[in-house]
Protein backbone atom coordinates (compact mmCIF):
# COMPACT_ATOMS: atom_id res chain seq x y z
CA MET A 1 97.76 30.22 -46.10
CA LYS A 2 94.30 29.71 -44.64
CA THR A 3 93.51 26.35 -43.06
CA GLY A 4 89.77 26.85 -42.71
CA LYS A 5 90.04 25.67 -39.10
CA LEU A 6 89.18 27.03 -35.68
CA GLN A 7 90.55 26.21 -32.25
CA ILE A 8 88.34 26.71 -29.21
CA TRP A 9 90.05 26.94 -25.82
CA VAL A 10 87.90 26.22 -22.75
CA PRO A 11 88.44 25.78 -18.99
CA GLU A 12 86.14 22.75 -19.09
CA LEU A 13 83.01 21.50 -20.81
CA VAL A 14 81.86 18.63 -18.59
CA ALA A 15 84.04 18.73 -15.44
CA ARG A 16 81.72 21.04 -13.52
CA GLU A 17 78.63 23.22 -13.89
CA GLY A 18 78.61 27.00 -14.06
CA GLY A 19 77.96 30.01 -16.24
CA ILE A 20 81.29 29.93 -18.11
CA GLN A 21 80.94 26.20 -18.72
CA SER A 22 77.42 26.70 -20.07
CA TYR A 23 78.64 29.51 -22.34
CA SER A 24 81.55 27.34 -23.54
CA ASN A 25 79.16 24.50 -24.37
CA GLU A 26 76.91 26.82 -26.34
CA MET A 27 79.89 28.30 -28.19
CA LEU A 28 81.22 24.87 -29.13
CA GLU A 29 77.83 23.70 -30.38
CA ALA A 30 77.48 26.87 -32.45
CA VAL A 31 80.90 26.72 -34.15
CA VAL A 32 80.52 23.00 -34.89
CA GLU A 33 77.09 23.61 -36.39
CA ILE A 34 78.38 26.50 -38.52
CA LEU A 35 81.77 25.13 -39.62
CA GLY A 36 81.31 21.38 -39.31
CA PRO A 37 83.04 19.12 -36.75
CA GLU A 38 86.12 18.38 -38.87
CA ARG A 39 87.18 22.04 -38.82
CA VAL A 40 87.03 22.48 -35.04
CA THR A 41 89.64 21.52 -32.45
CA VAL A 42 88.76 21.66 -28.74
CA LEU A 43 91.48 22.24 -26.14
CA SER A 44 90.16 21.86 -22.57
CA LYS A 45 92.16 22.53 -19.45
CA SER A 46 90.37 20.41 -16.85
CA ASP A 47 88.09 17.83 -18.46
CA ASN A 48 88.62 14.10 -18.32
CA GLN A 49 89.77 13.06 -21.78
CA ALA A 50 87.36 10.13 -22.09
CA ALA A 51 84.40 12.25 -20.96
CA LEU A 52 85.42 15.05 -23.30
CA ARG A 53 85.65 12.64 -26.23
CA ILE A 54 82.13 11.36 -25.59
CA PHE A 55 80.82 14.92 -25.21
CA CYS A 56 82.43 16.27 -28.38
CA GLY A 57 81.84 13.26 -30.62
CA GLU A 58 84.34 11.39 -32.73
CA LYS A 59 84.55 13.95 -35.54
CA VAL A 60 85.77 16.81 -33.35
CA GLU A 61 89.46 16.71 -32.43
CA ALA A 62 89.63 17.17 -28.67
CA HIS A 63 92.44 17.33 -26.12
CA SER A 64 92.27 17.78 -22.36
CA LEU A 65 94.68 17.86 -19.43
CA GLY A 66 92.31 16.89 -16.63
CA HIS A 67 94.68 14.07 -15.70
CA VAL A 68 97.58 16.46 -15.01
CA PRO A 69 98.06 17.45 -11.33
CA SER A 70 96.41 20.80 -10.64
CA GLY A 71 99.64 22.37 -9.42
CA VAL A 72 101.27 22.14 -12.83
CA ARG A 73 98.19 21.98 -15.06
CA THR A 74 98.17 25.69 -15.96
CA LEU A 75 101.75 25.53 -17.25
CA ALA A 76 101.10 22.26 -19.09
CA PHE A 77 97.96 23.66 -20.69
CA SER A 78 99.79 26.80 -21.81
CA GLU A 79 102.40 24.60 -23.47
CA LEU A 80 99.67 22.56 -25.18
CA LEU A 81 97.94 25.70 -26.48
CA LEU A 82 101.19 27.10 -27.82
CA ARG A 83 102.23 23.85 -29.49
CA LYS A 84 98.82 23.18 -31.09
CA GLY A 85 98.56 26.77 -32.25
CA LEU A 86 101.96 26.73 -33.94
CA THR A 87 101.50 23.31 -35.57
CA GLU A 88 97.85 23.65 -36.62
CA LYS A 89 97.86 27.37 -37.45
CA PRO A 90 94.08 27.84 -37.32
CA ASP A 91 92.37 30.79 -38.96
CA LEU A 92 90.97 31.78 -35.58
CA ILE A 93 91.51 30.95 -31.93
CA LEU A 94 88.40 31.40 -29.83
CA SER A 95 89.04 31.34 -26.07
CA THR A 96 86.09 31.24 -23.68
CA HIS A 97 88.21 32.46 -20.74
CA ALA A 98 90.46 35.49 -20.45
CA HIS A 99 93.09 33.65 -18.41
CA PHE A 100 94.35 32.04 -21.63
CA SER A 101 94.96 35.43 -23.26
CA PRO A 102 98.74 35.52 -22.63
CA VAL A 103 99.19 32.46 -24.88
CA GLY A 104 96.89 34.06 -27.43
CA LYS A 105 99.12 37.13 -27.41
CA MET A 106 102.23 34.98 -28.05
CA LEU A 107 100.59 33.18 -30.97
CA GLY A 108 99.40 36.45 -32.41
CA LEU A 109 102.92 37.85 -32.33
CA ARG A 110 104.79 34.71 -33.43
CA ALA A 111 102.37 33.24 -35.97
CA ARG A 112 99.94 36.10 -36.69
CA ILE A 113 97.00 33.92 -35.68
CA PRO A 114 93.92 36.05 -34.88
CA VAL A 115 92.42 35.60 -31.43
CA ALA A 116 88.98 36.32 -29.97
CA ILE A 117 88.51 36.03 -26.21
CA SER A 118 85.30 35.94 -24.19
CA ALA A 119 84.88 38.22 -21.17
CA HIS A 120 82.27 37.21 -18.62
CA GLY A 121 82.50 39.31 -15.48
CA VAL A 122 84.58 39.36 -12.32
CA GLU A 123 87.50 37.57 -14.01
CA VAL A 124 88.10 40.64 -16.21
CA TRP A 125 86.93 43.51 -14.01
CA ASN A 126 89.60 45.64 -12.32
CA LEU A 127 92.44 43.65 -13.85
CA PRO A 128 95.83 44.58 -12.38
CA ARG A 129 98.77 45.19 -14.64
CA GLY A 130 100.06 41.80 -15.71
CA ARG A 131 99.84 39.01 -18.25
CA THR A 132 96.04 38.68 -18.46
CA ARG A 133 95.55 42.42 -18.89
CA ASN A 134 98.30 42.58 -21.51
CA GLY A 135 96.83 39.54 -23.25
CA LEU A 136 93.44 41.20 -23.55
CA LEU A 137 95.00 44.42 -24.80
CA ALA A 138 96.63 42.43 -27.62
CA THR A 139 93.49 40.45 -28.50
CA ASP A 140 91.97 41.08 -31.92
CA THR A 141 88.38 40.93 -30.62
CA ILE A 142 87.06 40.80 -27.07
CA LEU A 143 83.66 39.12 -26.65
CA PRO A 144 81.88 40.48 -23.57
CA VAL A 145 78.68 38.68 -22.60
CA SER A 146 77.06 41.96 -21.57
CA GLU A 147 77.04 45.66 -22.32
CA TYR A 148 77.94 46.17 -18.67
CA THR A 149 81.22 44.25 -19.00
CA ARG A 150 81.98 45.89 -22.36
CA ASP A 151 81.56 49.35 -20.88
CA ARG A 152 83.75 48.49 -17.90
CA LEU A 153 86.50 47.10 -20.12
CA MET A 154 86.37 50.07 -22.47
CA SER A 155 86.97 52.31 -19.47
CA GLU A 156 89.44 50.13 -17.58
CA LEU A 157 91.53 49.04 -20.59
CA GLY A 158 91.14 52.22 -22.60
CA LEU A 159 89.99 50.35 -25.71
CA PRO A 160 87.58 51.64 -28.38
CA ALA A 161 84.14 50.11 -28.94
CA GLU A 162 85.17 48.54 -32.26
CA ARG A 163 87.47 46.12 -30.41
CA PHE A 164 84.42 44.47 -28.83
CA GLU A 165 81.62 42.24 -30.07
CA ILE A 166 78.91 41.46 -27.51
CA ILE A 167 77.65 37.89 -27.57
CA HIS A 168 75.15 37.53 -24.76
CA ASN A 169 74.60 34.30 -22.91
CA THR A 170 71.79 32.12 -24.19
CA PHE A 171 69.44 29.39 -22.98
CA ASP A 172 67.56 26.40 -24.35
CA ALA A 173 64.01 27.64 -24.93
CA LYS A 174 62.77 24.08 -25.49
CA ILE A 175 63.86 22.96 -22.03
CA PHE A 176 63.08 26.17 -20.17
CA SER A 177 59.48 26.69 -21.19
CA PRO A 178 56.19 27.49 -19.42
CA GLY A 179 54.04 24.77 -18.00
CA PRO A 180 52.86 23.26 -14.74
CA ALA A 181 55.38 21.96 -12.26
CA ARG A 182 55.13 18.38 -11.09
CA MET A 183 52.67 18.20 -8.19
CA LYS A 184 55.03 15.92 -6.34
CA LEU A 185 57.45 18.83 -5.96
CA ARG A 186 54.94 20.80 -3.91
CA GLU A 187 54.56 17.81 -1.63
CA THR A 188 58.32 17.34 -1.42
CA TYR A 189 58.80 20.87 -0.12
CA GLY A 190 55.64 20.98 1.99
CA LEU A 191 54.02 23.76 0.00
CA ARG A 192 50.33 24.43 0.56
CA PRO A 193 48.06 25.45 -2.34
CA GLU A 194 47.79 28.98 -0.96
CA ASP A 195 51.55 29.49 -0.52
CA LYS A 196 53.45 31.97 -2.67
CA LEU A 197 56.96 30.98 -3.70
CA LEU A 198 59.89 33.27 -4.45
CA LEU A 199 62.84 31.41 -6.00
CA CYS A 200 66.58 32.03 -6.21
CA VAL A 201 69.03 29.73 -8.01
CA SER A 202 72.58 30.31 -6.83
CA ARG A 203 75.68 28.69 -5.46
CA MET A 204 75.75 29.23 -1.70
CA GLU A 205 79.34 30.17 -0.95
CA ALA A 206 80.41 32.91 1.45
CA SER A 207 82.46 34.42 -1.37
CA GLU A 208 79.30 34.69 -3.49
CA GLN A 209 76.92 36.41 -1.09
CA TYR A 210 76.83 39.16 -3.69
CA LYS A 211 74.17 36.99 -5.35
CA GLY A 212 71.72 38.55 -2.88
CA TYR A 213 70.07 35.58 -1.19
CA ARG A 214 71.19 36.89 2.23
CA GLN A 215 69.46 40.23 1.61
CA ILE A 216 66.21 38.50 0.68
CA ILE A 217 66.31 36.51 3.93
CA GLN A 218 66.91 39.78 5.79
CA VAL A 219 63.69 41.32 4.43
CA MET A 220 61.59 38.16 4.86
CA PRO A 221 60.24 39.17 8.33
CA SER A 222 58.63 42.23 6.75
CA LEU A 223 57.61 40.49 3.53
CA ILE A 224 55.71 37.67 5.21
CA GLN A 225 53.55 40.27 6.96
CA LYS A 226 52.58 41.74 3.58
CA ILE A 227 52.45 38.62 1.40
CA PRO A 228 50.50 35.88 3.21
CA GLY A 229 51.95 32.42 2.72
CA LEU A 230 55.23 33.67 1.25
CA LYS A 231 58.08 31.16 1.06
CA PHE A 232 61.60 31.79 -0.20
CA MET A 233 63.43 28.89 -1.86
CA VAL A 234 67.16 28.83 -2.56
CA VAL A 235 68.24 26.18 -5.08
CA GLY A 236 71.95 25.48 -4.83
CA ARG A 237 74.60 24.05 -2.60
CA GLY A 238 77.63 25.44 -0.81
CA THR A 239 79.34 26.11 2.47
CA ASP A 240 77.24 29.21 3.20
CA ARG A 241 74.02 27.24 3.68
CA LYS A 242 74.58 26.67 7.40
CA ASN A 243 75.14 30.40 7.92
CA MET A 244 71.94 31.24 6.06
CA GLU A 245 69.94 28.67 8.01
CA GLY A 246 71.21 30.33 11.18
CA LEU A 247 70.29 33.79 9.89
CA ALA A 248 66.77 32.68 9.01
CA GLY A 249 66.43 31.13 12.46
CA ARG A 250 67.58 34.28 14.25
CA LEU A 251 65.12 36.36 12.24
CA GLY A 252 62.27 34.00 13.06
CA VAL A 253 61.58 33.02 9.43
CA ARG A 254 63.23 29.60 9.26
CA GLU A 255 59.93 27.91 8.36
CA HIS A 256 59.50 30.36 5.50
CA VAL A 257 62.89 29.64 3.86
CA ILE A 258 63.53 26.42 1.93
CA PHE A 259 67.07 25.28 1.13
CA THR A 260 66.93 22.56 -1.50
CA GLY A 261 70.63 21.80 -1.86
CA TYR A 262 71.79 20.44 -5.20
CA VAL A 263 69.17 20.17 -7.94
CA SER A 264 70.06 18.40 -11.20
CA SER A 265 69.80 20.19 -14.53
CA GLU A 266 66.95 17.84 -15.46
CA GLU A 267 64.93 18.90 -12.41
CA LEU A 268 65.71 22.61 -12.60
CA PRO A 269 62.97 23.67 -15.08
CA ASP A 270 60.30 22.23 -12.78
CA HIS A 271 61.67 24.27 -9.89
CA TYR A 272 61.32 27.46 -11.95
CA ARG A 273 57.76 26.46 -12.85
CA LEU A 274 57.01 25.76 -9.19
CA ALA A 275 57.77 29.37 -8.28
CA ASP A 276 55.56 32.42 -8.62
CA ALA A 277 58.55 34.70 -9.23
CA PHE A 278 62.35 34.66 -9.34
CA ALA A 279 64.78 36.97 -7.52
CA MET A 280 68.55 37.26 -7.49
CA PRO A 281 69.42 40.84 -6.44
CA SER A 282 73.11 40.49 -7.23
CA LYS A 283 75.73 43.22 -7.54
CA ARG A 284 78.65 41.39 -9.21
CA GLU A 285 76.92 39.29 -11.85
CA GLY A 286 78.57 39.12 -15.27
CA PHE A 287 75.22 38.30 -16.88
CA GLY A 288 73.03 35.76 -15.09
CA ILE A 289 71.83 32.83 -17.20
CA VAL A 290 69.38 31.98 -14.42
CA TYR A 291 67.32 35.05 -15.34
CA LEU A 292 66.92 33.70 -18.87
CA GLU A 293 65.98 30.26 -17.59
CA ALA A 294 63.38 31.71 -15.22
CA MET A 295 61.88 33.95 -17.92
CA GLY A 296 61.94 31.02 -20.32
CA CYS A 297 59.70 29.21 -17.85
CA GLY A 298 57.43 32.26 -17.76
CA ARG A 299 58.48 33.62 -14.38
CA ARG A 300 58.99 37.34 -13.78
CA CYS A 301 62.41 38.23 -12.38
CA LEU A 302 64.02 40.67 -9.98
CA GLY A 303 67.70 41.58 -10.35
CA GLY A 304 70.21 44.13 -9.13
CA ASN A 305 70.75 47.44 -10.89
CA LYS A 306 74.52 47.53 -10.27
CA ASP A 307 75.69 44.74 -12.56
CA ALA A 308 74.90 42.94 -15.81
CA ALA A 309 71.49 41.83 -14.61
CA ARG A 310 70.52 45.06 -16.37
CA ASP A 311 71.41 43.33 -19.66
CA ALA A 312 69.48 40.15 -18.89
CA LEU A 313 66.39 42.11 -17.82
CA ARG A 314 66.80 44.69 -20.60
CA ASN A 315 67.05 47.64 -18.19
CA GLY A 316 63.73 46.75 -16.59
CA GLU A 317 61.76 45.86 -19.74
CA LEU A 318 61.67 42.18 -18.77
CA GLY A 319 61.74 42.42 -14.98
CA VAL A 320 62.27 44.49 -11.85
CA LEU A 321 65.62 46.11 -11.04
CA VAL A 322 66.49 47.20 -7.49
CA ASP A 323 69.45 48.52 -5.53
CA PRO A 324 70.79 45.33 -3.91
CA ASP A 325 72.38 47.35 -1.08
CA ASP A 326 69.09 49.05 -0.18
CA LEU A 327 66.90 46.62 1.77
CA GLN A 328 63.88 48.91 1.52
CA ASP A 329 64.21 49.08 -2.26
CA LEU A 330 64.63 45.31 -2.38
CA GLU A 331 61.50 44.79 -0.31
CA GLN A 332 59.50 47.11 -2.54
CA GLY A 333 60.79 45.26 -5.60
CA VAL A 334 59.66 41.90 -4.27
CA LEU A 335 56.27 43.38 -3.41
CA ARG A 336 55.99 44.53 -7.03
CA LEU A 337 56.60 40.97 -8.21
CA PHE A 338 53.60 39.75 -6.22
CA LYS A 339 51.29 42.76 -6.28
CA GLU A 340 51.49 43.75 -9.94
CA PRO A 341 49.68 41.66 -12.57
CA PRO A 342 52.14 38.99 -13.75
CA PRO A 343 53.05 38.86 -17.44
CA GLU A 344 51.61 36.09 -19.54
CA PRO A 345 54.09 33.20 -19.23
CA GLU A 346 54.08 32.50 -22.96
CA LYS A 347 54.69 36.16 -23.77
CA LEU A 348 57.63 36.38 -21.35
CA HIS A 349 59.05 33.16 -22.79
CA HIS A 350 58.75 34.59 -26.29
CA LEU A 351 60.51 37.83 -25.35
CA ALA A 352 63.37 35.99 -23.62
CA ASN A 353 63.80 33.79 -26.67
CA GLN A 354 63.55 36.77 -29.03
CA TYR A 355 66.36 38.61 -27.29
CA PHE A 356 68.54 35.77 -25.97
CA GLY A 357 67.55 32.51 -27.67
CA ARG A 358 69.92 30.14 -29.40
CA ASP A 359 69.10 31.46 -32.86
CA VAL A 360 70.22 34.93 -31.79
CA PHE A 361 73.39 33.48 -30.26
CA ARG A 362 74.25 31.53 -33.41
CA THR A 363 73.64 34.53 -35.64
CA LYS A 364 76.18 36.52 -33.64
CA VAL A 365 78.70 33.66 -33.65
CA ARG A 366 78.31 33.25 -37.41
CA ALA A 367 78.94 36.97 -37.93
CA LEU A 368 82.05 36.74 -35.75
CA LEU A 369 83.43 33.80 -37.72
CA GLU A 370 82.72 35.50 -41.03
CA SER A 371 84.55 38.62 -39.87
CA PHE A 372 87.67 36.42 -39.67
CA GLY A 373 87.01 34.77 -43.04
CA LEU A 374 85.51 31.54 -41.69
CA ARG A 375 82.36 30.37 -43.45
């Protein structure tokens, strides 16, 4: 018997910022808009219950275990998912993280509840034999955020293409739009009118140097000889900042590299608009929402050609792709950003919205729900 309801399982919606959290937020907004709030139940692993209630609104049933000690939270959350699945018996369970797939497998076997699970990037690449891998193998539909991740999973899991539905990441085209940056920002960072600014938005953790900010600093000595007034700005915080400050100092380019630290989501669009171009030559990116945000603000992007940045930049249609392990190729790519005529900001914004805007995202989510009989 169909209930007409959907459960959405998320790691968190408000507890911290990140790509998976942003995707989870967009997915929740989409399913609530399509189905109505009374038909959606949110189960969050790490959010504060009061904050989650405010975020979801009173009409959406929401449960979170952020108050449970982290050491036992995974087990407690698995028990909550299993119990709510068996008692509510939704028509579809939509999980925005693959780590919940073992519970999805159990509910599929015990209660024949269909399950769709999102696949972002490193959390599903090269999965060892175990519960998460087995959970994905039993999932009705896997939702990769990129063709790159889909192709990897098809190869690594041995699954056919029809088991996958790609739902790319999206962005808010109203917030990330072209326009002038606040003049005060230039003063804050000591930028002269003649300076050229290359921007990267990334967490700065030693474990995430694959984002490519280190490589850009490494080629700065050569770049500043060829692009007068060039400055490189890294927006983001993390334990790797001190190391990068030291690297810039040893290379003699410390005055050309700006580390902003944390920037709020409200201030981020102005930082994109402040820049002349955006670069994140990553090699382990599951998609890269920052590319969409930068293009939304009319800024041409550079990304790596070894990961899902190829999806975000449409295989070079919307930006420059380089080998992130080849410093010469990276340098030439940055030179292209500044030497070639830039695209019209409004045109780039339009293309980003055409391919990855919220309307496109919702259309794909609606088709997914309808494929499981939810309208």
